[in-house]
Protein backbone atom coordinates (compact mmCIF):
# COMPACT_ATOMS: atom_id res chain seq x y z
CA UNK A 1 293.01 -305.42 -54.23
CA UNK A 2 294.92 -307.59 -56.79
CA UNK A 3 292.06 -308.19 -59.21
CA UNK A 4 293.75 -310.93 -61.26
CA UNK A 5 294.61 -312.89 -58.09
CA UNK A 6 290.95 -312.84 -57.00
CA UNK A 7 289.68 -314.42 -60.22
CA UNK A 8 292.55 -316.90 -60.46
CA UNK A 9 292.06 -318.05 -56.86
CA UNK A 10 288.29 -318.40 -57.29
CA UNK A 11 288.69 -320.54 -60.40
CA UNK A 12 291.94 -322.46 -60.14
CA UNK A 13 291.94 -323.63 -56.51
CA UNK A 14 288.66 -325.62 -56.76
CA UNK A 15 289.80 -327.03 -60.11
CA UNK A 16 293.21 -328.14 -58.81
CA UNK A 17 291.79 -329.67 -55.62
CA UNK A 18 289.06 -331.42 -57.65
CA UNK A 19 291.82 -333.09 -59.68
CA UNK A 20 293.65 -334.07 -56.49
CA UNK A 21 290.56 -335.66 -54.97
CA UNK A 22 289.85 -337.61 -58.15
CA UNK A 23 293.33 -339.00 -58.78
CA UNK A 24 295.05 -339.01 -55.38
CA UNK A 25 293.66 -341.55 -52.94
CA UNK A 26 293.80 -340.08 -49.44
CA UNK A 27 292.00 -340.96 -46.17
CA UNK A 28 288.52 -339.60 -45.57
CA UNK A 29 289.79 -337.02 -43.06
CA UNK A 30 292.12 -335.51 -45.69
CA UNK A 31 289.28 -335.50 -48.23
CA UNK A 32 287.07 -333.66 -45.74
CA UNK A 33 289.79 -331.09 -45.05
CA UNK A 34 290.34 -330.44 -48.77
CA UNK A 35 286.63 -329.95 -49.50
CA UNK A 36 285.93 -327.68 -46.55
CA UNK A 37 289.11 -325.68 -47.20
CA UNK A 38 288.23 -324.95 -50.83
CA UNK A 39 284.65 -323.95 -50.07
CA UNK A 40 285.78 -321.74 -47.18
CA UNK A 41 288.31 -320.12 -49.51
CA UNK A 42 285.53 -319.21 -51.95
CA UNK A 43 283.37 -317.87 -49.13
CA UNK A 44 286.18 -315.77 -47.63
CA UNK A 45 287.16 -314.32 -51.01
CA UNK A 46 283.52 -313.43 -51.69
CA UNK A 47 283.31 -311.72 -48.28
CA UNK A 48 286.55 -309.84 -48.93
CA UNK A 49 285.36 -308.71 -52.37
CA UNK A 50 281.98 -307.64 -50.94
CA UNK A 51 283.76 -305.55 -48.29
CA UNK A 52 286.07 -304.03 -50.89
CA UNK A 53 283.25 -303.19 -53.27
CA UNK A 54 281.31 -301.32 -50.59
CA UNK A 55 284.03 -298.68 -50.77
CA UNK A 56 284.85 -299.02 -54.48
CA UNK A 57 283.60 -296.07 -56.56
CA UNK A 58 282.70 -298.15 -59.62
CA UNK A 59 281.16 -301.07 -57.71
CA UNK A 60 282.79 -303.48 -60.17
CA UNK A 61 285.91 -305.60 -60.53
CA UNK A 62 286.72 -306.31 -64.17
CA UNK A 63 289.55 -308.44 -65.56
CA UNK A 64 289.32 -309.37 -69.24
CA UNK A 65 286.44 -311.87 -69.61
CA UNK A 66 285.66 -311.85 -65.89
CA UNK A 67 283.70 -309.42 -63.76
CA UNK A 68 282.33 -309.11 -60.25
CA UNK A 69 279.60 -306.66 -59.33
CA UNK A 70 277.18 -306.43 -56.42
CA UNK A 71 274.76 -308.97 -57.90
CA UNK A 72 277.41 -311.58 -58.73
CA UNK A 73 279.07 -311.20 -55.32
CA UNK A 74 275.66 -311.64 -53.65
CA UNK A 75 275.08 -314.89 -55.52
CA UNK A 76 278.67 -315.98 -54.93
CA UNK A 77 278.14 -315.62 -51.18
CA UNK A 78 274.90 -317.63 -51.31
CA UNK A 79 276.49 -320.34 -53.46
CA UNK A 80 279.56 -320.65 -51.22
CA UNK A 81 277.35 -320.89 -48.13
CA UNK A 82 275.18 -323.60 -49.73
CA UNK A 83 278.28 -325.55 -50.80
CA UNK A 84 279.74 -325.20 -47.29
CA UNK A 85 276.58 -326.58 -45.68
CA UNK A 86 276.40 -329.35 -48.28
CA UNK A 87 280.04 -330.24 -47.70
CA UNK A 88 279.51 -330.40 -43.94
CA UNK A 89 276.64 -332.86 -44.47
CA UNK A 90 278.27 -334.96 -47.15
CA UNK A 91 281.34 -335.63 -45.02
CA UNK A 92 279.18 -337.21 -42.32
CA UNK A 93 277.29 -339.09 -45.01
CA UNK A 94 280.53 -340.47 -46.47
CA UNK A 95 281.59 -341.86 -43.11
CA UNK A 96 278.26 -343.62 -42.53
CA UNK A 97 277.93 -344.90 -46.10
CA UNK A 98 281.48 -346.29 -46.15
CA UNK A 99 280.95 -347.93 -42.75
CA UNK A 100 277.80 -349.73 -43.95
CA UNK A 101 279.38 -350.66 -47.28
CA UNK A 102 277.04 -348.73 -49.60
CA UNK A 103 279.90 -346.47 -50.74
CA UNK A 104 283.61 -347.06 -51.26
CA UNK A 105 286.42 -344.64 -50.52
CA UNK A 106 287.02 -344.40 -54.29
CA UNK A 107 283.35 -343.47 -54.71
CA UNK A 108 283.73 -340.76 -52.06
CA UNK A 109 286.77 -339.38 -53.91
CA UNK A 110 284.81 -339.35 -57.18
CA UNK A 111 281.91 -337.52 -55.54
CA UNK A 112 284.26 -334.96 -53.95
CA UNK A 113 286.04 -334.30 -57.25
CA UNK A 114 282.79 -333.79 -59.13
CA UNK A 115 281.40 -331.69 -56.26
CA UNK A 116 284.36 -329.33 -56.38
CA UNK A 117 284.23 -329.36 -60.19
CA UNK A 118 280.61 -328.22 -59.96
CA UNK A 119 281.74 -325.47 -57.56
CA UNK A 120 284.37 -324.32 -60.07
CA UNK A 121 281.79 -324.34 -62.88
CA UNK A 122 279.32 -322.29 -60.85
CA UNK A 123 282.03 -319.79 -59.94
CA UNK A 124 282.82 -319.46 -63.66
CA UNK A 125 279.15 -318.69 -64.36
CA UNK A 126 278.96 -316.04 -61.63
CA UNK A 127 282.19 -314.20 -62.45
CA UNK A 128 281.83 -314.28 -66.25
CA UNK A 129 281.82 -311.02 -68.17
CA UNK A 130 281.19 -312.91 -71.40
CA UNK A 131 277.95 -314.64 -72.43
CA UNK A 132 279.91 -317.34 -74.22
CA UNK A 133 282.01 -318.14 -71.13
CA UNK A 134 278.83 -318.14 -69.05
CA UNK A 135 277.36 -320.74 -71.43
CA UNK A 136 280.48 -322.89 -71.10
CA UNK A 137 280.16 -322.72 -67.29
CA UNK A 138 276.50 -323.77 -67.38
CA UNK A 139 277.30 -326.70 -69.68
CA UNK A 140 280.15 -327.72 -67.36
CA UNK A 141 277.77 -327.78 -64.37
CA UNK A 142 275.53 -330.17 -66.33
CA UNK A 143 278.39 -332.56 -67.03
CA UNK A 144 279.72 -332.45 -63.47
CA UNK A 145 276.41 -332.86 -61.66
CA UNK A 146 275.02 -335.53 -64.01
CA UNK A 147 277.41 -338.08 -62.49
CA UNK A 148 276.53 -336.91 -58.97
CA UNK A 149 272.93 -338.00 -59.63
CA UNK A 150 274.03 -341.64 -59.92
CA UNK A 151 276.49 -341.78 -57.03
CA UNK A 152 274.70 -344.97 -55.99
CA UNK A 153 274.29 -346.80 -59.29
CA UNK A 154 270.85 -348.34 -59.81
CA UNK A 155 268.28 -348.49 -62.59
CA UNK A 156 266.40 -345.53 -61.08
CA UNK A 157 269.51 -343.36 -60.65
CA UNK A 158 270.76 -344.11 -64.18
CA UNK A 159 267.34 -343.22 -65.59
CA UNK A 160 267.33 -339.98 -63.59
CA UNK A 161 270.86 -339.14 -64.76
CA UNK A 162 270.05 -339.66 -68.43
CA UNK A 163 266.79 -337.72 -68.16
CA UNK A 164 268.68 -334.86 -66.50
CA UNK A 165 271.50 -334.98 -69.04
CA UNK A 166 269.28 -335.13 -72.15
CA UNK A 167 266.70 -332.52 -71.08
CA UNK A 168 269.29 -330.08 -69.72
CA UNK A 169 271.47 -330.51 -72.83
CA UNK A 170 268.49 -329.56 -74.99
CA UNK A 171 267.99 -326.52 -72.77
CA UNK A 172 271.65 -325.56 -72.98
CA UNK A 173 271.48 -325.94 -76.79
CA UNK A 174 268.57 -323.44 -76.80
CA UNK A 175 270.66 -321.12 -74.65
CA UNK A 176 273.53 -321.44 -77.13
CA UNK A 177 271.19 -320.34 -79.93
CA UNK A 178 270.11 -317.41 -77.76
CA UNK A 179 273.75 -316.48 -77.18
CA UNK A 180 274.40 -316.46 -80.95
CA UNK A 181 271.32 -314.28 -81.49
CA UNK A 182 272.50 -311.79 -78.86
CA UNK A 183 275.90 -311.66 -80.60
CA UNK A 184 274.11 -311.01 -83.91
CA UNK A 185 271.98 -308.30 -82.28
CA UNK A 186 275.16 -306.55 -81.12
CA UNK A 187 276.69 -306.38 -84.61
CA UNK A 188 275.41 -302.81 -85.28
CA UNK A 189 277.58 -301.64 -82.37
CA UNK A 190 280.73 -302.35 -84.44
CA UNK A 191 282.65 -303.55 -81.38
CA UNK A 192 286.03 -305.25 -81.44
CA UNK A 193 286.43 -308.96 -82.07
CA UNK A 194 284.81 -310.95 -79.26
CA UNK A 195 283.45 -307.86 -77.50
CA UNK A 196 279.86 -308.31 -78.69
CA UNK A 197 279.27 -310.86 -75.91
CA UNK A 198 280.77 -308.83 -73.06
CA UNK A 199 278.20 -307.83 -70.45
CA UNK A 200 279.83 -304.43 -69.97
CA UNK A 201 279.72 -303.60 -73.68
CA UNK A 202 276.11 -304.73 -74.02
CA UNK A 203 275.13 -302.67 -70.97
CA UNK A 204 277.00 -299.53 -72.03
CA UNK A 205 275.76 -299.67 -75.64
CA UNK A 206 272.24 -301.01 -75.10
CA UNK A 207 270.63 -298.25 -77.15
CA UNK A 208 272.37 -299.38 -80.35
CA UNK A 209 271.47 -303.08 -80.16
CA UNK A 210 269.11 -304.62 -82.74
CA UNK A 211 266.03 -304.87 -80.48
CA UNK A 212 263.92 -307.51 -82.34
CA UNK A 213 266.93 -309.81 -82.62
CA UNK A 214 267.78 -309.24 -78.96
CA UNK A 215 264.22 -310.10 -77.89
CA UNK A 216 264.34 -313.32 -79.90
CA UNK A 217 267.70 -314.19 -78.33
CA UNK A 218 266.30 -313.42 -74.88
CA UNK A 219 263.42 -315.84 -75.51
CA UNK A 220 265.86 -318.65 -76.37
CA UNK A 221 267.98 -317.81 -73.32
CA UNK A 222 264.99 -317.89 -70.96
CA UNK A 223 263.79 -321.24 -72.32
CA UNK A 224 267.31 -322.71 -72.35
CA UNK A 225 268.53 -321.59 -68.94
CA UNK A 226 265.02 -322.03 -67.51
CA UNK A 227 265.21 -325.70 -68.48
CA UNK A 228 268.61 -326.01 -66.79
CA UNK A 229 267.27 -324.30 -63.66
CA UNK A 230 264.22 -326.56 -63.57
CA UNK A 231 261.65 -323.78 -63.87
CA UNK A 232 258.09 -324.98 -64.53
CA UNK A 233 256.91 -326.17 -67.01
CA UNK A 234 260.46 -327.18 -68.01
CA UNK A 235 261.20 -329.10 -64.82
CA UNK A 236 260.57 -332.70 -65.97
CA UNK A 237 264.05 -333.83 -64.93
CA UNK A 238 263.91 -332.26 -61.45
CA UNK A 239 261.91 -334.76 -59.31
CA UNK A 240 263.87 -337.84 -60.41
CA UNK A 241 267.28 -336.16 -60.14
CA UNK A 242 266.58 -334.96 -56.60
CA UNK A 243 264.95 -338.17 -55.37
C-alpha cells in the first residue's frame, strides 16, 4: 500500500474540496455530490487501511509526522460514518431551508466548506504521530466549527458561538501547556530535534521519561482536551452550541 498516498488523500482532498465549495458557486446538486464524495472517500480509505492492517505484521502505517494504527483507524471509521450520515441529512436540510428562505445558496456553500474543513481537521487529529500536530488539528476544529454554530445568525447563536470559542480556546491553551510539559518530560531521552513529541518515540522510550513532569503534562492535557470535548464539569459551552 502506498503509505504517502493514503495520508495525502485523507488530508488534501477534503481541504481542496472545502476551498472549492467556499469560493466556487455551484448548484445545490453539485454541492451535495462534492460533500458526499469527499466523505465517502475518507470512509473507503479507512476501510482499505483497516483491511490492510489486519494482515500487516506491525499493525501500523507510519509516514513522518503521521501514523495510523488500529485505534486511529477505528476512530477514523466512526468519524467518516458520522460525517456521512450528517452530510446526508444536511443536504435535505439545505434544500428545505433555501426553499423557505431561511438560508441562501451562499450560506449553504459556507456551511459545506466549513463542514469539510472540520472533516480535514479531525482527520489530521486522528492520523497525527506528533502531539504538536494533534494540537494544531484540535485548534483547527474549534475555528471551523465555531462558525457552524451560527449558521443562522441570531443573538442566541452568536452568544453560543462566542461561548464555545472562548471556553474551548481556554481549554486548547491548557492542552498546549500540557504538550510543552510532555516535550520537557521527554528531554532526558536525548532524541533528535522534534522527535520528543512523536507518539512512537514516547511509546518506545516510556521508561526514560521524567515521570512527575509527564503526570503534570497529562493533567493539563486532560483538562484542556476535556474542555474541548465537553466532558463534565467542563461542558458549559455544550448545551447552547448544540441547541
